[in-house]
C-alpha atoms as a PDB file:
ATOM      1  CA  MET A   1     -48.006  47.984  26.491  1.00  0.00           C
ATOM      2  CA  ALA A   2     -49.252  46.161  23.432  1.00  0.00           C
ATOM      3  CA  THR A   3     -49.950  42.541  22.646  1.00  0.00           C
ATOM      4  CA  ILE A   4     -47.865  41.727  19.572  1.00  0.00           C
ATOM      5  CA  GLY A   5     -48.220  37.950  19.561  1.00  0.00           C
ATOM      6  CA  THR A   6     -50.248  34.957  20.639  1.00  0.00           C
ATOM      7  CA  PHE A   7     -48.898  31.500  21.345  1.00  0.00           C
ATOM      8  CA  LYS A   8     -49.992  28.019  22.391  1.00  0.00           C
ATOM      9  CA  LYS A   9     -47.826  25.844  24.610  1.00  0.00           C
ATOM     10  CA  THR A  10     -47.231  22.306  23.385  1.00  0.00           C
ATOM     11  CA  GLY A  11     -45.017  20.310  25.704  1.00  0.00           C
ATOM     12  CA  THR A  12     -41.924  22.451  26.244  1.00  0.00           C
ATOM     13  CA  GLU A  13     -42.372  24.557  23.068  1.00  0.00           C
ATOM     14  CA  TYR A  14     -44.512  27.553  22.216  1.00  0.00           C
ATOM     15  CA  THR A  15     -45.974  27.990  18.716  1.00  0.00           C
ATOM     16  CA  GLY A  16     -47.765  31.065  17.451  1.00  0.00           C
ATOM     17  CA  GLU A  17     -47.529  34.319  15.576  1.00  0.00           C
ATOM     18  CA  ILE A  18     -46.086  37.798  15.987  1.00  0.00           C
ATOM     19  CA  PHE A  19     -47.841  40.760  14.417  1.00  0.00           C
ATOM     20  CA  THR A  20     -47.081  44.475  14.342  1.00  0.00           C
ATOM     21  CA  LEU A  21     -47.734  47.152  11.732  1.00  0.00           C
ATOM     22  CA  SER A  22     -44.583  46.109   9.862  1.00  0.00           C
ATOM     23  CA  LEU A  23     -44.138  42.446  10.897  1.00  0.00           C
ATOM     24  CA  GLN A  24     -46.501  39.527  10.347  1.00  0.00           C
ATOM     25  CA  ALA A  25     -44.809  36.232  11.208  1.00  0.00           C
ATOM     26  CA  LYS A  26     -46.788  33.002  11.457  1.00  0.00           C
ATOM     27  CA  GLY A  27     -45.386  29.668  12.558  1.00  0.00           C
ATOM     28  CA  VAL A  28     -43.095  31.233  15.152  1.00  0.00           C
ATOM     29  CA  ARG A  29     -41.628  28.653  17.526  1.00  0.00           C
ATOM     30  CA  LEU A  30     -39.924  29.090  20.881  1.00  0.00           C
ATOM     31  CA  VAL A  31     -37.797  25.994  21.332  1.00  0.00           C
ATOM     32  CA  PRO A  32     -35.852  25.177  24.518  1.00  0.00           C
ATOM     33  CA  THR A  33     -32.089  25.182  24.056  1.00  0.00           C
ATOM     34  CA  SER A  34     -30.220  22.030  24.874  1.00  0.00           C
ATOM     35  CA  GLY A  35     -27.311  22.349  27.254  1.00  0.00           C
ATOM     36  CA  ALA A  36     -27.348  26.121  27.760  1.00  0.00           C
ATOM     37  CA  SER A  37     -23.880  27.220  28.806  1.00  0.00           C
ATOM     38  CA  GLY A  38     -23.350  30.092  31.207  1.00  0.00           C
ATOM     39  CA  GLU A  39     -25.797  31.828  33.504  1.00  0.00           C
ATOM     40  CA  ASN A  40     -26.699  34.448  30.864  1.00  0.00           C
ATOM     41  CA  ALA A  41     -27.271  31.921  28.069  1.00  0.00           C
ATOM     42  CA  PRO A  42     -30.767  31.937  26.554  1.00  0.00           C
ATOM     43  CA  THR A  43     -33.146  29.182  27.592  1.00  0.00           C
ATOM     44  CA  HIS A  44     -35.050  29.244  24.272  1.00  0.00           C
ATOM     45  CA  ARG A  45     -34.403  30.015  20.594  1.00  0.00           C
ATOM     46  CA  VAL A  46     -37.014  31.866  18.539  1.00  0.00           C
ATOM     47  CA  LEU A  47     -37.460  30.347  15.076  1.00  0.00           C
ATOM     48  CA  VAL A  48     -39.519  31.098  11.967  1.00  0.00           C
ATOM     49  CA  GLY A  49     -39.073  28.188   9.613  1.00  0.00           C
ATOM     50  CA  ARG A  50     -35.342  27.521   9.640  1.00  0.00           C
ATOM     51  CA  ALA A  51     -34.410  31.117  10.461  1.00  0.00           C
ATOM     52  CA  GLU A  52     -33.485  32.029  14.019  1.00  0.00           C
ATOM     53  CA  ILE A  53     -34.910  35.478  14.762  1.00  0.00           C
ATOM     54  CA  GLY A  54     -34.190  35.737  18.460  1.00  0.00           C
ATOM     55  CA  ALA A  55     -33.688  34.242  21.865  1.00  0.00           C
ATOM     56  CA  ALA A  56     -35.585  34.059  25.156  1.00  0.00           C
ATOM     57  CA  TRP A  57     -34.649  33.832  28.804  1.00  0.00           C
ATOM     58  CA  THR A  58     -36.724  32.401  31.651  1.00  0.00           C
ATOM     59  CA  LYS A  59     -37.465  35.118  34.202  1.00  0.00           C
ATOM     60  CA  THR A  60     -39.593  35.584  37.321  1.00  0.00           C
ATOM     61  CA  SER A  61     -41.718  38.652  38.032  1.00  0.00           C
ATOM     62  CA  ASN A  62     -41.754  40.457  41.378  1.00  0.00           C
ATOM     63  CA  GLU A  63     -44.980  38.567  42.125  1.00  0.00           C
ATOM     64  CA  GLY A  64     -43.271  35.195  41.533  1.00  0.00           C
ATOM     65  CA  ARG A  65     -44.843  34.591  38.114  1.00  0.00           C
ATOM     66  CA  ALA A  66     -42.602  32.850  35.541  1.00  0.00           C
ATOM     67  CA  TYR A  67     -42.373  34.330  32.040  1.00  0.00           C
ATOM     68  CA  LEU A  68     -40.008  34.495  29.070  1.00  0.00           C
ATOM     69  CA  GLY A  69     -38.117  37.662  28.149  1.00  0.00           C
ATOM     70  CA  LEU A  70     -37.531  37.766  24.368  1.00  0.00           C
ATOM     71  CA  LYS A  71     -35.103  39.635  22.167  1.00  0.00           C
ATOM     72  CA  LEU A  72     -36.133  39.528  18.510  1.00  0.00           C
ATOM     73  CA  ASP A  73     -33.847  40.749  15.755  1.00  0.00           C
ATOM     74  CA  ASP A  74     -33.667  40.573  11.988  1.00  0.00           C
ATOM     75  CA  PRO A  75     -31.725  42.505   9.335  1.00  0.00           C
ATOM     76  CA  SER A  76     -35.010  44.169   8.308  1.00  0.00           C
ATOM     77  CA  PHE A  77     -35.521  45.655  11.816  1.00  0.00           C
ATOM     78  CA  ALA A  78     -34.235  49.135  12.621  1.00  0.00           C
ATOM     79  CA  ALA A  79     -33.441  47.883  16.140  1.00  0.00           C
ATOM     80  CA  PRO A  80     -34.071  44.727  18.195  1.00  0.00           C
ATOM     81  CA  ILE A  81     -37.537  44.208  19.674  1.00  0.00           C
ATOM     82  CA  TYR A  82     -37.755  43.311  23.367  1.00  0.00           C
ATOM     83  CA  ALA A  83     -40.963  41.706  24.652  1.00  0.00           C
ATOM     84  CA  ASN A  84     -42.232  39.377  27.389  1.00  0.00           C
ATOM     85  CA  LEU A  85     -44.259  36.201  26.950  1.00  0.00           C
ATOM     86  CA  PHE A  86     -46.782  35.601  29.741  1.00  0.00           C
ATOM     87  CA  ASP A  87     -49.013  32.548  30.107  1.00  0.00           C
ATOM     88  CA  ASP A  88     -52.702  33.425  29.895  1.00  0.00           C
ATOM     89  CA  GLU A  89     -54.908  32.904  32.937  1.00  0.00           C
ATOM     90  CA  ASP A  90     -56.373  29.663  31.511  1.00  0.00           C
ATOM     91  CA  GLY A  91     -52.848  28.239  31.116  1.00  0.00           C
ATOM     92  CA  GLU A  92     -53.507  27.095  27.529  1.00  0.00           C
ATOM     93  CA  GLY A  93     -52.150  30.100  25.669  1.00  0.00           C
ATOM     94  CA  ALA A  94     -49.630  32.872  26.079  1.00  0.00           C
ATOM     95  CA  SER A  95     -49.456  36.525  25.040  1.00  0.00           C
ATOM     96  CA  LEU A  96     -46.362  38.356  23.812  1.00  0.00           C
ATOM     97  CA  ILE A  97     -46.384  41.838  25.339  1.00  0.00           C
ATOM     98  CA  TRP A  98     -44.235  44.705  24.082  1.00  0.00           C
ATOM     99  CA  SER A  99     -43.683  48.033  25.769  1.00  0.00           C
ATOM    100  CA  ARG A 100     -41.495  50.913  24.685  1.00  0.00           C
ATOM    101  CA  PRO A 101     -38.286  51.002  26.737  1.00  0.00           C
ATOM    102  CA  ASN A 102     -38.052  53.856  29.202  1.00  0.00           C
ATOM    103  CA  THR A 103     -35.391  56.276  28.087  1.00  0.00           C
ATOM    104  CA  ARG A 104     -34.203  59.088  30.268  1.00  0.00           C
ATOM    105  CA  ARG A 105     -33.298  62.261  28.530  1.00  0.00           C
ATOM    106  CA  GLY A 106     -30.525  64.338  29.988  1.00  0.00           C
ATOM    107  CA  ASP A 107     -31.626  67.854  29.068  1.00  0.00           C
END
């Protein structure tokens, strides 16, 4: 697992940055969607400036902790990035955590 972003919560939005070896995005905003339709509809949109680079869904961990599951995508990416946004212990910030998906190889 790797921390690839840090955010601050302001009201119902999160604002922060995402950073990897190939991506440095500042001013990233997670904005709640209005009137989400369908049970699989995202609860948040991920924006950088006016560009939408992803979506997020409210989830609950096995321990009962709420978090956001993000899917980030952009034409410059080889594949979408999946990560989870967890509130920090102090409740003032949040960390975006990425982990490589488990893939099973059928040898």
